[in-house]
PDB file of N, CA and C in Angstrom:
ATOM      1  N   MET A   1      50.253 -14.440  48.575  1.00  0.00           N
ATOM      2  CA  MET A   1      49.160 -13.879  49.345  1.00  0.00           C
ATOM      3  C   MET A   1      49.101 -14.575  50.699  1.00  0.00           C
ATOM      4  N   LYS A   2      48.951 -13.806  51.738  1.00  0.00           N
ATOM      5  CA  LYS A   2      48.844 -14.364  53.081  1.00  0.00           C
ATOM      6  C   LYS A   2      47.444 -14.927  53.294  1.00  0.00           C
ATOM      7  N   ARG A   3      47.380 -16.187  53.660  1.00  0.00           N
ATOM      8  CA  ARG A   3      46.094 -16.852  53.888  1.00  0.00           C
ATOM      9  C   ARG A   3      45.694 -16.699  55.337  1.00  0.00           C
ATOM     10  N   ASP A   4      44.457 -16.381  55.554  1.00  0.00           N
ATOM     11  CA  ASP A   4      43.941 -16.141  56.895  1.00  0.00           C
ATOM     12  C   ASP A   4      43.313 -17.418  57.441  1.00  0.00           C
ATOM     13  N   THR A   5      43.956 -17.992  58.467  1.00  0.00           N
ATOM     14  CA  THR A   5      43.449 -19.240  59.032  1.00  0.00           C
ATOM     15  C   THR A   5      42.202 -19.024  59.872  1.00  0.00           C
ATOM     16  N   HIS A   6      41.787 -17.767  60.027  1.00  0.00           N
ATOM     17  CA  HIS A   6      40.500 -17.527  60.684  1.00  0.00           C
ATOM     18  C   HIS A   6      39.352 -17.746  59.702  1.00  0.00           C
ATOM     19  N   ASN A   7      39.669 -17.760  58.414  1.00  0.00           N
ATOM     20  CA  ASN A   7      38.672 -18.003  57.375  1.00  0.00           C
ATOM     21  C   ASN A   7      38.677 -19.488  57.042  1.00  0.00           C
ATOM     22  N   ILE A   8      37.613 -20.155  57.445  1.00  0.00           N
ATOM     23  CA  ILE A   8      37.543 -21.607  57.319  1.00  0.00           C
ATOM     24  C   ILE A   8      36.412 -21.995  56.376  1.00  0.00           C
ATOM     25  N   LEU A   9      36.749 -22.841  55.413  1.00  0.00           N
ATOM     26  CA  LEU A   9      35.752 -23.410  54.513  1.00  0.00           C
ATOM     27  C   LEU A   9      35.404 -24.806  55.013  1.00  0.00           C
ATOM     28  N   ILE A  10      34.131 -25.033  55.271  1.00  0.00           N
ATOM     29  CA  ILE A  10      33.645 -26.340  55.708  1.00  0.00           C
ATOM     30  C   ILE A  10      32.876 -26.955  54.549  1.00  0.00           C
ATOM     31  N   VAL A  11      33.368 -28.099  54.080  1.00  0.00           N
ATOM     32  CA  VAL A  11      32.753 -28.770  52.940  1.00  0.00           C
ATOM     33  C   VAL A  11      32.092 -30.051  53.445  1.00  0.00           C
ATOM     34  N   ASP A  12      30.785 -29.991  53.546  1.00  0.00           N
ATOM     35  CA  ASP A  12      30.006 -31.125  54.053  1.00  0.00           C
ATOM     36  C   ASP A  12      28.592 -30.975  53.513  1.00  0.00           C
ATOM     37  N   ASP A  13      28.057 -32.020  52.926  1.00  0.00           N
ATOM     38  CA  ASP A  13      26.714 -31.911  52.355  1.00  0.00           C
ATOM     39  C   ASP A  13      25.611 -32.151  53.379  1.00  0.00           C
ATOM     40  N   SER A  14      25.977 -32.368  54.629  1.00  0.00           N
ATOM     41  CA  SER A  14      24.986 -32.540  55.690  1.00  0.00           C
ATOM     42  C   SER A  14      24.695 -31.192  56.350  1.00  0.00           C
ATOM     43  N   ARG A  15      23.477 -30.713  56.192  1.00  0.00           N
ATOM     44  CA  ARG A  15      23.082 -29.438  56.817  1.00  0.00           C
ATOM     45  C   ARG A  15      23.158 -29.539  58.339  1.00  0.00           C
ATOM     46  N   ILE A  16      22.905 -30.713  58.873  1.00  0.00           N
ATOM     47  CA  ILE A  16      22.990 -30.902  60.325  1.00  0.00           C
ATOM     48  C   ILE A  16      24.423 -30.690  60.795  1.00  0.00           C
ATOM     49  N   GLU A  17      25.387 -31.304  60.101  1.00  0.00           N
ATOM     50  CA  GLU A  17      26.804 -31.129  60.463  1.00  0.00           C
ATOM     51  C   GLU A  17      27.215 -29.665  60.314  1.00  0.00           C
ATOM     52  N   GLN A  18      26.778 -29.021  59.235  1.00  0.00           N
ATOM     53  CA  GLN A  18      27.107 -27.612  59.029  1.00  0.00           C
ATOM     54  C   GLN A  18      26.570 -26.754  60.169  1.00  0.00           C
ATOM     55  N   THR A  19      25.334 -26.999  60.558  1.00  0.00           N
ATOM     56  CA  THR A  19      24.714 -26.224  61.635  1.00  0.00           C
ATOM     57  C   THR A  19      25.430 -26.445  62.960  1.00  0.00           C
ATOM     58  N   LEU A  20      25.783 -27.685  63.256  1.00  0.00           N
ATOM     59  CA  LEU A  20      26.511 -27.981  64.497  1.00  0.00           C
ATOM     60  C   LEU A  20      27.863 -27.274  64.525  1.00  0.00           C
ATOM     61  N   LEU A  21      28.603 -27.365  63.425  1.00  0.00           N
ATOM     62  CA  LEU A  21      29.911 -26.711  63.373  1.00  0.00           C
ATOM     63  C   LEU A  21      29.772 -25.195  63.452  1.00  0.00           C
ATOM     64  N   LYS A  22      28.777 -24.650  62.787  1.00  0.00           N
ATOM     65  CA  LYS A  22      28.558 -23.199  62.836  1.00  0.00           C
ATOM     66  C   LYS A  22      28.268 -22.747  64.258  1.00  0.00           C
ATOM     67  N   SER A  23      27.419 -23.472  64.961  1.00  0.00           N
ATOM     68  CA  SER A  23      27.054 -23.061  66.322  1.00  0.00           C
ATOM     69  C   SER A  23      28.247 -23.118  67.267  1.00  0.00           C
ATOM     70  N   VAL A  24      29.155 -24.044  67.047  1.00  0.00           N
ATOM     71  CA  VAL A  24      30.315 -24.188  67.929  1.00  0.00           C
ATOM     72  C   VAL A  24      31.449 -23.241  67.538  1.00  0.00           C
ATOM     73  N   LEU A  25      31.734 -23.122  66.243  1.00  0.00           N
ATOM     74  CA  LEU A  25      32.911 -22.372  65.798  1.00  0.00           C
ATOM     75  C   LEU A  25      32.689 -20.872  65.635  1.00  0.00           C
ATOM     76  N   SER A  26      31.474 -20.439  65.347  1.00  0.00           N
ATOM     77  CA  SER A  26      31.247 -19.011  65.097  1.00  0.00           C
ATOM     78  C   SER A  26      31.530 -18.161  66.328  1.00  0.00           C
ATOM     79  N   LYS A  27      31.419 -18.728  67.499  1.00  0.00           N
ATOM     80  CA  LYS A  27      31.688 -17.991  68.737  1.00  0.00           C
ATOM     81  C   LYS A  27      33.173 -17.950  69.075  1.00  0.00           C
ATOM     82  N   SER A  28      33.989 -18.620  68.272  1.00  0.00           N
ATOM     83  CA  SER A  28      35.425 -18.681  68.536  1.00  0.00           C
ATOM     84  C   SER A  28      36.219 -17.680  67.715  1.00  0.00           C
ATOM     85  N   GLY A  29      35.542 -16.817  66.981  1.00  0.00           N
ATOM     86  CA  GLY A  29      36.238 -15.792  66.217  1.00  0.00           C
ATOM     87  C   GLY A  29      36.626 -16.210  64.811  1.00  0.00           C
ATOM     88  N   PHE A  30      36.190 -17.365  64.365  1.00  0.00           N
ATOM     89  CA  PHE A  30      36.479 -17.814  63.010  1.00  0.00           C
ATOM     90  C   PHE A  30      35.381 -17.327  62.066  1.00  0.00           C
ATOM     91  N   THR A  31      35.771 -17.003  60.832  1.00  0.00           N
ATOM     92  CA  THR A  31      34.802 -16.689  59.794  1.00  0.00           C
ATOM     93  C   THR A  31      34.582 -17.965  59.006  1.00  0.00           C
ATOM     94  N   LEU A  32      33.339 -18.374  58.908  1.00  0.00           N
ATOM     95  CA  LEU A  32      33.024 -19.660  58.309  1.00  0.00           C
ATOM     96  C   LEU A  32      32.353 -19.505  56.949  1.00  0.00           C
ATOM     97  N   PHE A  33      32.774 -20.351  56.030  1.00  0.00           N
ATOM     98  CA  PHE A  33      32.165 -20.469  54.712  1.00  0.00           C
ATOM     99  C   PHE A  33      31.738 -21.923  54.573  1.00  0.00           C
ATOM    100  N   PHE A  34      30.610 -22.155  53.926  1.00  0.00           N
ATOM    101  CA  PHE A  34      30.094 -23.517  53.791  1.00  0.00           C
ATOM    102  C   PHE A  34      29.867 -23.862  52.331  1.00  0.00           C
ATOM    103  N   ALA A  35      30.187 -25.107  51.985  1.00  0.00           N
ATOM    104  CA  ALA A  35      29.929 -25.625  50.644  1.00  0.00           C
ATOM    105  C   ALA A  35      29.375 -27.034  50.774  1.00  0.00           C
ATOM    106  N   ASP A  36      28.396 -27.336  49.918  1.00  0.00           N
ATOM    107  CA  ASP A  36      27.792 -28.673  49.888  1.00  0.00           C
ATOM    108  C   ASP A  36      28.458 -29.581  48.864  1.00  0.00           C
ATOM    109  N   THR A  37      29.111 -28.974  47.872  1.00  0.00           N
ATOM    110  CA  THR A  37      29.659 -29.738  46.750  1.00  0.00           C
ATOM    111  C   THR A  37      31.093 -29.313  46.452  1.00  0.00           C
ATOM    112  N   VAL A  38      31.762 -30.132  45.647  1.00  0.00           N
ATOM    113  CA  VAL A  38      33.119 -29.820  45.214  1.00  0.00           C
ATOM    114  C   VAL A  38      33.132 -28.510  44.433  1.00  0.00           C
ATOM    115  N   SER A  39      32.192 -28.328  43.515  1.00  0.00           N
ATOM    116  CA  SER A  39      32.185 -27.105  42.698  1.00  0.00           C
ATOM    117  C   SER A  39      31.959 -25.857  43.547  1.00  0.00           C
ATOM    118  N   GLU A  40      31.068 -25.930  44.531  1.00  0.00           N
ATOM    119  CA  GLU A  40      30.863 -24.786  45.428  1.00  0.00           C
ATOM    120  C   GLU A  40      32.141 -24.488  46.213  1.00  0.00           C
ATOM    121  N   ALA A  41      32.807 -25.531  46.674  1.00  0.00           N
ATOM    122  CA  ALA A  41      34.040 -25.351  47.447  1.00  0.00           C
ATOM    123  C   ALA A  41      35.118 -24.681  46.607  1.00  0.00           C
ATOM    124  N   LEU A  42      35.290 -25.138  45.383  1.00  0.00           N
ATOM    125  CA  LEU A  42      36.315 -24.555  44.515  1.00  0.00           C
ATOM    126  C   LEU A  42      36.003 -23.100  44.187  1.00  0.00           C
ATOM    127  N   LYS A  43      34.735 -22.788  44.013  1.00  0.00           N
ATOM    128  CA  LYS A  43      34.335 -21.403  43.741  1.00  0.00           C
ATOM    129  C   LYS A  43      34.695 -20.505  44.929  1.00  0.00           C
ATOM    130  N   LEU A  44      34.399 -20.952  46.139  1.00  0.00           N
ATOM    131  CA  LEU A  44      34.733 -20.167  47.331  1.00  0.00           C
ATOM    132  C   LEU A  44      36.240 -20.031  47.508  1.00  0.00           C
ATOM    133  N   LEU A  45      36.979 -21.086  47.224  1.00  0.00           N
ATOM    134  CA  LEU A  45      38.437 -21.013  47.330  1.00  0.00           C
ATOM    135  C   LEU A  45      39.021 -20.012  46.343  1.00  0.00           C
ATOM    136  N   GLY A  46      38.360 -19.839  45.220  1.00  0.00           N
ATOM    137  CA  GLY A  46      38.821 -18.878  44.228  1.00  0.00           C
ATOM    138  C   GLY A  46      38.452 -17.443  44.538  1.00  0.00           C
ATOM    139  N   SER A  47      37.430 -17.247  45.365  1.00  0.00           N
ATOM    140  CA  SER A  47      36.944 -15.886  45.598  1.00  0.00           C
ATOM    141  C   SER A  47      37.179 -15.356  47.012  1.00  0.00           C
ATOM    142  N   GLU A  48      37.499 -16.222  47.950  1.00  0.00           N
ATOM    143  CA  GLU A  48      37.676 -15.802  49.342  1.00  0.00           C
ATOM    144  C   GLU A  48      39.094 -16.095  49.822  1.00  0.00           C
ATOM    145  N   ASN A  49      39.526 -15.369  50.828  1.00  0.00           N
ATOM    146  CA  ASN A  49      40.858 -15.544  51.412  1.00  0.00           C
ATOM    147  C   ASN A  49      40.813 -16.648  52.479  1.00  0.00           C
ATOM    148  N   ILE A  50      40.640 -17.864  52.030  1.00  0.00           N
ATOM    149  CA  ILE A  50      40.484 -19.007  52.930  1.00  0.00           C
ATOM    150  C   ILE A  50      41.846 -19.625  53.214  1.00  0.00           C
ATOM    151  N   GLY A  51      42.082 -19.906  54.493  1.00  0.00           N
ATOM    152  CA  GLY A  51      43.350 -20.503  54.891  1.00  0.00           C
ATOM    153  C   GLY A  51      43.232 -21.930  55.365  1.00  0.00           C
ATOM    154  N   LEU A  52      42.029 -22.343  55.698  1.00  0.00           N
ATOM    155  CA  LEU A  52      41.791 -23.687  56.228  1.00  0.00           C
ATOM    156  C   LEU A  52      40.548 -24.286  55.592  1.00  0.00           C
ATOM    157  N   VAL A  53      40.626 -25.569  55.254  1.00  0.00           N
ATOM    158  CA  VAL A  53      39.475 -26.283  54.714  1.00  0.00           C
ATOM    159  C   VAL A  53      39.239 -27.519  55.570  1.00  0.00           C
ATOM    160  N   LEU A  54      37.995 -27.696  55.994  1.00  0.00           N
ATOM    161  CA  LEU A  54      37.570 -28.916  56.675  1.00  0.00           C
ATOM    162  C   LEU A  54      36.664 -29.647  55.701  1.00  0.00           C
ATOM    163  N   VAL A  55      37.038 -30.865  55.334  1.00  0.00           N
ATOM    164  CA  VAL A  55      36.297 -31.570  54.288  1.00  0.00           C
ATOM    165  C   VAL A  55      35.833 -32.945  54.759  1.00  0.00           C
ATOM    166  N   ASP A  56      34.582 -33.239  54.454  1.00  0.00           N
ATOM    167  CA  ASP A  56      34.020 -34.559  54.717  1.00  0.00           C
ATOM    168  C   ASP A  56      34.354 -35.463  53.531  1.00  0.00           C
ATOM    169  N   PHE A  57      34.528 -36.742  53.795  1.00  0.00           N
ATOM    170  CA  PHE A  57      34.883 -37.699  52.749  1.00  0.00           C
ATOM    171  C   PHE A  57      33.728 -37.923  51.781  1.00  0.00           C
ATOM    172  N   PHE A  58      32.546 -38.131  52.312  1.00  0.00           N
ATOM    173  CA  PHE A  58      31.382 -38.417  51.468  1.00  0.00           C
ATOM    174  C   PHE A  58      30.619 -37.131  51.176  1.00  0.00           C
ATOM    175  N   LEU A  59      30.580 -36.771  49.916  1.00  0.00           N
ATOM    176  CA  LEU A  59      29.824 -35.606  49.478  1.00  0.00           C
ATOM    177  C   LEU A  59      28.813 -36.076  48.443  1.00  0.00           C
ATOM    178  N   ALA A  60      27.565 -35.793  48.690  1.00  0.00           N
ATOM    179  CA  ALA A  60      26.475 -36.190  47.789  1.00  0.00           C
ATOM    180  C   ALA A  60      26.494 -37.688  47.504  1.00  0.00           C
ATOM    181  N   GLY A  61      26.830 -38.487  48.535  1.00  0.00           N
ATOM    182  CA  GLY A  61      26.757 -39.935  48.423  1.00  0.00           C
ATOM    183  C   GLY A  61      27.902 -40.610  47.705  1.00  0.00           C
ATOM    184  N   ILE A  62      28.898 -39.829  47.271  1.00  0.00           N
ATOM    185  CA  ILE A  62      30.057 -40.436  46.622  1.00  0.00           C
ATOM    186  C   ILE A  62      31.322 -39.961  47.311  1.00  0.00           C
ATOM    187  N   ASN A  63      32.437 -40.556  46.965  1.00  0.00           N
ATOM    188  CA  ASN A  63      33.705 -40.240  47.623  1.00  0.00           C
ATOM    189  C   ASN A  63      34.369 -39.022  46.995  1.00  0.00           C
ATOM    190  N   ASP A  64      33.672 -37.903  46.994  1.00  0.00           N
ATOM    191  CA  ASP A  64      34.210 -36.691  46.382  1.00  0.00           C
ATOM    192  C   ASP A  64      35.223 -35.972  47.259  1.00  0.00           C
ATOM    193  N   GLY A  65      35.324 -36.338  48.519  1.00  0.00           N
ATOM    194  CA  GLY A  65      36.276 -35.684  49.408  1.00  0.00           C
ATOM    195  C   GLY A  65      37.697 -35.784  48.892  1.00  0.00           C
ATOM    196  N   THR A  66      38.089 -36.962  48.424  1.00  0.00           N
ATOM    197  CA  THR A  66      39.447 -37.126  47.908  1.00  0.00           C
ATOM    198  C   THR A  66      39.639 -36.342  46.616  1.00  0.00           C
ATOM    199  N   ALA A  67      38.616 -36.298  45.767  1.00  0.00           N
ATOM    200  CA  ALA A  67      38.710 -35.520  44.528  1.00  0.00           C
ATOM    201  C   ALA A  67      38.900 -34.042  44.843  1.00  0.00           C
ATOM    202  N   LEU A  68      38.185 -33.555  45.836  1.00  0.00           N
ATOM    203  CA  LEU A  68      38.318 -32.156  46.231  1.00  0.00           C
ATOM    204  C   LEU A  68      39.714 -31.870  46.765  1.00  0.00           C
ATOM    205  N   VAL A  69      40.212 -32.726  47.624  1.00  0.00           N
ATOM    206  CA  VAL A  69      41.555 -32.522  48.184  1.00  0.00           C
ATOM    207  C   VAL A  69      42.585 -32.493  47.064  1.00  0.00           C
ATOM    208  N   ASN A  70      42.487 -33.408  46.115  1.00  0.00           N
ATOM    209  CA  ASN A  70      43.421 -33.427  44.984  1.00  0.00           C
ATOM    210  C   ASN A  70      43.360 -32.131  44.184  1.00  0.00           C
ATOM    211  N   LYS A  71      42.163 -31.613  43.944  1.00  0.00           N
ATOM    212  CA  LYS A  71      42.019 -30.367  43.181  1.00  0.00           C
ATOM    213  C   LYS A  71      42.576 -29.174  43.954  1.00  0.00           C
ATOM    214  N   ILE A  72      42.314 -29.131  45.245  1.00  0.00           N
ATOM    215  CA  ILE A  72      42.848 -28.029  46.054  1.00  0.00           C
ATOM    216  C   ILE A  72      44.366 -28.065  46.029  1.00  0.00           C
ATOM    217  N   ARG A  73      44.952 -29.231  46.231  1.00  0.00           N
ATOM    218  CA  ARG A  73      46.408 -29.359  46.261  1.00  0.00           C
ATOM    219  C   ARG A  73      47.041 -28.976  44.928  1.00  0.00           C
ATOM    220  N   LYS A  74      46.326 -29.199  43.850  1.00  0.00           N
ATOM    221  CA  LYS A  74      46.860 -28.870  42.528  1.00  0.00           C
ATOM    222  C   LYS A  74      47.006 -27.360  42.336  1.00  0.00           C
ATOM    223  N   TYR A  75      46.063 -26.589  42.894  1.00  0.00           N
ATOM    224  CA  TYR A  75      46.042 -25.148  42.650  1.00  0.00           C
ATOM    225  C   TYR A  75      46.333 -24.282  43.869  1.00  0.00           C
ATOM    226  N   ARG A  76      46.161 -24.832  45.061  1.00  0.00           N
ATOM    227  CA  ARG A  76      46.296 -24.019  46.274  1.00  0.00           C
ATOM    228  C   ARG A  76      47.077 -24.777  47.348  1.00  0.00           C
ATOM    229  N   VAL A  77      48.371 -24.909  47.152  1.00  0.00           N
ATOM    230  CA  VAL A  77      49.196 -25.650  48.109  1.00  0.00           C
ATOM    231  C   VAL A  77      49.329 -24.927  49.442  1.00  0.00           C
ATOM    232  N   ASP A  78      48.981 -23.645  49.473  1.00  0.00           N
ATOM    233  CA  ASP A  78      49.116 -22.845  50.690  1.00  0.00           C
ATOM    234  C   ASP A  78      47.997 -23.085  51.700  1.00  0.00           C
ATOM    235  N   VAL A  79      46.937 -23.734  51.307  1.00  0.00           N
ATOM    236  CA  VAL A  79      45.780 -23.941  52.174  1.00  0.00           C
ATOM    237  C   VAL A  79      45.977 -25.197  53.018  1.00  0.00           C
ATOM    238  N   LYS A  80      45.650 -25.092  54.296  1.00  0.00           N
ATOM    239  CA  LYS A  80      45.666 -26.256  55.183  1.00  0.00           C
ATOM    240  C   LYS A  80      44.344 -26.998  55.014  1.00  0.00           C
ATOM    241  N   ILE A  81      44.423 -28.319  54.895  1.00  0.00           N
ATOM    242  CA  ILE A  81      43.223 -29.130  54.693  1.00  0.00           C
ATOM    243  C   ILE A  81      43.164 -30.216  55.758  1.00  0.00           C
ATOM    244  N   TYR A  82      42.037 -30.282  56.436  1.00  0.00           N
ATOM    245  CA  TYR A  82      41.810 -31.331  57.427  1.00  0.00           C
ATOM    246  C   TYR A  82      40.549 -32.094  57.054  1.00  0.00           C
ATOM    247  N   ALA A  83      40.654 -33.411  57.105  1.00  0.00           N
ATOM    248  CA  ALA A  83      39.504 -34.267  56.848  1.00  0.00           C
ATOM    249  C   ALA A  83      38.696 -34.410  58.121  1.00  0.00           C
ATOM    250  N   ILE A  84      37.388 -34.415  57.956  1.00  0.00           N
ATOM    251  CA  ILE A  84      36.485 -34.703  59.068  1.00  0.00           C
ATOM    252  C   ILE A  84      35.957 -36.107  58.811  1.00  0.00           C
ATOM    253  N   SER A  85      36.267 -37.020  59.714  1.00  0.00           N
ATOM    254  CA  SER A  85      35.863 -38.397  59.466  1.00  0.00           C
ATOM    255  C   SER A  85      35.638 -39.155  60.759  1.00  0.00           C
ATOM    256  N   GLY A  86      34.675 -40.046  60.723  1.00  0.00           N
ATOM    257  CA  GLY A  86      34.424 -40.933  61.844  1.00  0.00           C
ATOM    258  C   GLY A  86      34.943 -42.328  61.567  1.00  0.00           C
ATOM    259  N   SER A  87      35.558 -42.521  60.415  1.00  0.00           N
ATOM    260  CA  SER A  87      36.034 -43.834  60.002  1.00  0.00           C
ATOM    261  C   SER A  87      37.530 -43.797  59.722  1.00  0.00           C
ATOM    262  N   GLU A  88      38.253 -44.745  60.275  1.00  0.00           N
ATOM    263  CA  GLU A  88      39.700 -44.805  60.052  1.00  0.00           C
ATOM    264  C   GLU A  88      40.018 -45.065  58.581  1.00  0.00           C
ATOM    265  N   GLU A  89      39.225 -45.892  57.935  1.00  0.00           N
ATOM    266  CA  GLU A  89      39.458 -46.218  56.528  1.00  0.00           C
ATOM    267  C   GLU A  89      39.330 -44.986  55.635  1.00  0.00           C
ATOM    268  N   THR A  90      38.264 -44.218  55.823  1.00  0.00           N
ATOM    269  CA  THR A  90      38.097 -43.015  55.008  1.00  0.00           C
ATOM    270  C   THR A  90      39.123 -41.958  55.386  1.00  0.00           C
ATOM    271  N   ALA A  91      39.485 -41.896  56.654  1.00  0.00           N
ATOM    272  CA  ALA A  91      40.511 -40.950  57.089  1.00  0.00           C
ATOM    273  C   ALA A  91      41.827 -41.239  56.385  1.00  0.00           C
ATOM    274  N   ASN A  92      42.194 -42.497  56.292  1.00  0.00           N
ATOM    275  CA  ASN A  92      43.439 -42.865  55.623  1.00  0.00           C
ATOM    276  C   ASN A  92      43.408 -42.517  54.140  1.00  0.00           C
ATOM    277  N   ALA A  93      42.257 -42.680  53.501  1.00  0.00           N
ATOM    278  CA  ALA A  93      42.129 -42.313  52.083  1.00  0.00           C
ATOM    279  C   ALA A  93      42.327 -40.813  51.901  1.00  0.00           C
ATOM    280  N   LEU A  94      41.778 -40.026  52.809  1.00  0.00           N
ATOM    281  CA  LEU A  94      41.936 -38.575  52.717  1.00  0.00           C
ATOM    282  C   LEU A  94      43.365 -38.145  53.020  1.00  0.00           C
ATOM    283  N   LEU A  95      44.008 -38.781  53.968  1.00  0.00           N
ATOM    284  CA  LEU A  95      45.418 -38.481  54.239  1.00  0.00           C
ATOM    285  C   LEU A  95      46.264 -38.776  53.006  1.00  0.00           C
ATOM    286  N   ALA A  96      45.999 -39.903  52.370  1.00  0.00           N
ATOM    287  CA  ALA A  96      46.750 -40.285  51.176  1.00  0.00           C
ATOM    288  C   ALA A  96      46.535 -39.300  50.032  1.00  0.00           C
ATOM    289  N   SER A  97      45.388 -38.634  50.002  1.00  0.00           N
ATOM    290  CA  SER A  97      45.108 -37.681  48.929  1.00  0.00           C
ATOM    291  C   SER A  97      45.720 -36.306  49.182  1.00  0.00           C
ATOM    292  N   GLY A  98      46.278 -36.088  50.376  1.00  0.00           N
ATOM    293  CA  GLY A  98      46.974 -34.829  50.628  1.00  0.00           C
ATOM    294  C   GLY A  98      46.486 -33.996  51.785  1.00  0.00           C
ATOM    295  N   CYS A  99      45.631 -34.536  52.625  1.00  0.00           N
ATOM    296  CA  CYS A  99      45.177 -33.782  53.803  1.00  0.00           C
ATOM    297  C   CYS A  99      46.328 -33.588  54.786  1.00  0.00           C
ATOM    298  N   ASP A 100      46.263 -32.495  55.522  1.00  0.00           N
ATOM    299  CA  ASP A 100      47.262 -32.218  56.551  1.00  0.00           C
ATOM    300  C   ASP A 100      46.991 -32.988  57.834  1.00  0.00           C
ATOM    301  N   GLY A 101      45.770 -33.472  58.002  1.00  0.00           N
ATOM    302  CA  GLY A 101      45.431 -34.219  59.201  1.00  0.00           C
ATOM    303  C   GLY A 101      43.979 -34.639  59.188  1.00  0.00           C
ATOM    304  N   ILE A 102      43.614 -35.366  60.234  1.00  0.00           N
ATOM    305  CA  ILE A 102      42.260 -35.887  60.375  1.00  0.00           C
ATOM    306  C   ILE A 102      41.669 -35.368  61.675  1.00  0.00           C
ATOM    307  N   LEU A 103      40.419 -34.955  61.615  1.00  0.00           N
ATOM    308  CA  LEU A 103      39.698 -34.527  62.807  1.00  0.00           C
ATOM    309  C   LEU A 103      38.463 -35.399  62.973  1.00  0.00           C
ATOM    310  N   PRO A 104      38.099 -35.708  64.216  1.00  0.00           N
ATOM    311  CA  PRO A 104      36.904 -36.528  64.439  1.00  0.00           C
ATOM    312  C   PRO A 104      35.635 -35.742  64.111  1.00  0.00           C
ATOM    313  N   LYS A 105      34.552 -36.460  63.851  1.00  0.00           N
ATOM    314  CA  LYS A 105      33.260 -35.806  63.559  1.00  0.00           C
ATOM    315  C   LYS A 105      32.600 -35.388  64.862  1.00  0.00           C
ATOM    316  N   ASP A 106      33.300 -34.576  65.607  1.00  0.00           N
ATOM    317  CA  ASP A 106      32.814 -34.091  66.900  1.00  0.00           C
ATOM    318  C   ASP A 106      33.093 -32.589  66.948  1.00  0.00           C
ATOM    319  N   PRO A 107      32.061 -31.758  66.831  1.00  0.00           N
ATOM    320  CA  PRO A 107      32.268 -30.309  66.798  1.00  0.00           C
ATOM    321  C   PRO A 107      33.099 -29.770  67.961  1.00  0.00           C
ATOM    322  N   ALA A 108      32.924 -30.311  69.156  1.00  0.00           N
ATOM    323  CA  ALA A 108      33.698 -29.834  70.308  1.00  0.00           C
ATOM    324  C   ALA A 108      35.183 -30.141  70.134  1.00  0.00           C
ATOM    325  N   GLU A 109      35.509 -31.307  69.603  1.00  0.00           N
ATOM    326  CA  GLU A 109      36.910 -31.673  69.358  1.00  0.00           C
ATOM    327  C   GLU A 109      37.514 -30.818  68.245  1.00  0.00           C
ATOM    328  N   ILE A 110      36.729 -30.547  67.217  1.00  0.00           N
ATOM    329  CA  ILE A 110      37.201 -29.694  66.126  1.00  0.00           C
ATOM    330  C   ILE A 110      37.482 -28.292  66.654  1.00  0.00           C
ATOM    331  N   LYS A 111      36.579 -27.768  67.457  1.00  0.00           N
ATOM    332  CA  LYS A 111      36.766 -26.440  68.048  1.00  0.00           C
ATOM    333  C   LYS A 111      38.036 -26.407  68.888  1.00  0.00           C
ATOM    334  N   LYS A 112      38.224 -27.399  69.721  1.00  0.00           N
ATOM    335  CA  LYS A 112      39.411 -27.462  70.578  1.00  0.00           C
ATOM    336  C   LYS A 112      40.686 -27.472  69.732  1.00  0.00           C
ATOM    337  N   PHE A 113      40.717 -28.296  68.695  1.00  0.00           N
ATOM    338  CA  PHE A 113      41.884 -28.377  67.819  1.00  0.00           C
ATOM    339  C   PHE A 113      42.173 -27.030  67.159  1.00  0.00           C
ATOM    340  N   LEU A 114      41.150 -26.405  66.602  1.00  0.00           N
ATOM    341  CA  LEU A 114      41.342 -25.132  65.906  1.00  0.00           C
ATOM    342  C   LEU A 114      41.788 -24.032  66.855  1.00  0.00           C
ATOM    343  N   GLU A 115      41.201 -23.971  68.038  1.00  0.00           N
ATOM    344  CA  GLU A 115      41.597 -22.945  69.003  1.00  0.00           C
ATOM    345  C   GLU A 115      43.030 -23.154  69.474  1.00  0.00           C
ATOM    346  N   GLU A 116      43.436 -24.394  69.657  1.00  0.00           N
ATOM    347  CA  GLU A 116      44.799 -24.679  70.113  1.00  0.00           C
ATOM    348  C   GLU A 116      45.833 -24.440  69.027  1.00  0.00           C
ATOM    349  N   ASN A 117      45.464 -24.648  67.771  1.00  0.00           N
ATOM    350  CA  ASN A 117      46.445 -24.592  66.694  1.00  0.00           C
ATOM    351  C   ASN A 117      46.353 -23.383  65.778  1.00  0.00           C
ATOM    352  N   TYR A 118      45.193 -22.738  65.717  1.00  0.00           N
ATOM    353  CA  TYR A 118      45.022 -21.660  64.748  1.00  0.00           C
ATOM    354  C   TYR A 118      44.469 -20.364  65.308  1.00  0.00           C
ATOM    355  N   LYS A 119      44.174 -20.301  66.576  1.00  0.00           N
ATOM    356  CA  LYS A 119      43.664 -19.061  67.168  1.00  0.00           C
ATOM    357  C   LYS A 119      44.750 -17.992  67.056  1.00  0.00           C
ATOM    358  N   GLY A 120      44.445 -16.901  66.394  1.00  0.00           N
ATOM    359  CA  GLY A 120      45.404 -15.809  66.253  1.00  0.00           C
ATOM    360  C   GLY A 120      46.464 -16.039  65.194  1.00  0.00           C
ATOM    361  N   ALA A 121      46.367 -17.154  64.462  1.00  0.00           N
ATOM    362  CA  ALA A 121      47.412 -17.486  63.490  1.00  0.00           C
ATOM    363  C   ALA A 121      47.012 -17.078  62.079  1.00  0.00           C
ATOM    364  N   SER A 122      48.008 -16.664  61.325  1.00  0.00           N
ATOM    365  CA  SER A 122      47.903 -16.489  59.880  1.00  0.00           C
ATOM    366  C   SER A 122      49.193 -17.023  59.309  1.00  0.00           C
ATOM    367  N   PHE A 123      49.177 -17.393  58.073  1.00  0.00           N
ATOM    368  CA  PHE A 123      50.402 -17.892  57.468  1.00  0.00           C
ATOM    369  C   PHE A 123      50.420 -17.510  56.009  1.00  0.00           C
ATOM    370  N   SER A 124      51.610 -17.601  55.428  1.00  0.00           N
ATOM    371  CA  SER A 124      51.709 -17.271  54.003  1.00  0.00           C
ATOM    372  C   SER A 124      52.115 -18.486  53.229  1.00  0.00           C
TER     373      SER A 124
END
């Protein structure tokens, strides 16, 4: 199945971060899905044609970001996963768990990266 990189799942339990990313990315032509928890994220990955996942390391106060990345990689190797992190230590943990890269916790930088690398792109 061809995954649409315009369909982005953002996994972050901070409503403030979700709102900031939504306000910046929705005007760029991306379709955004949001999940607060690992279980919500996995449900969306099973039901939607998502091609990109942006995941925060800390979900609900624990290090569930790495658990989520491991689960995604086990069942959906076709999905691109980027960690959103402000800490080098947590970024390295997410890279080790299978992320394709690290993005700073700056909505403008995330938008710039996505527009430069995924605008108009789809992959299989």
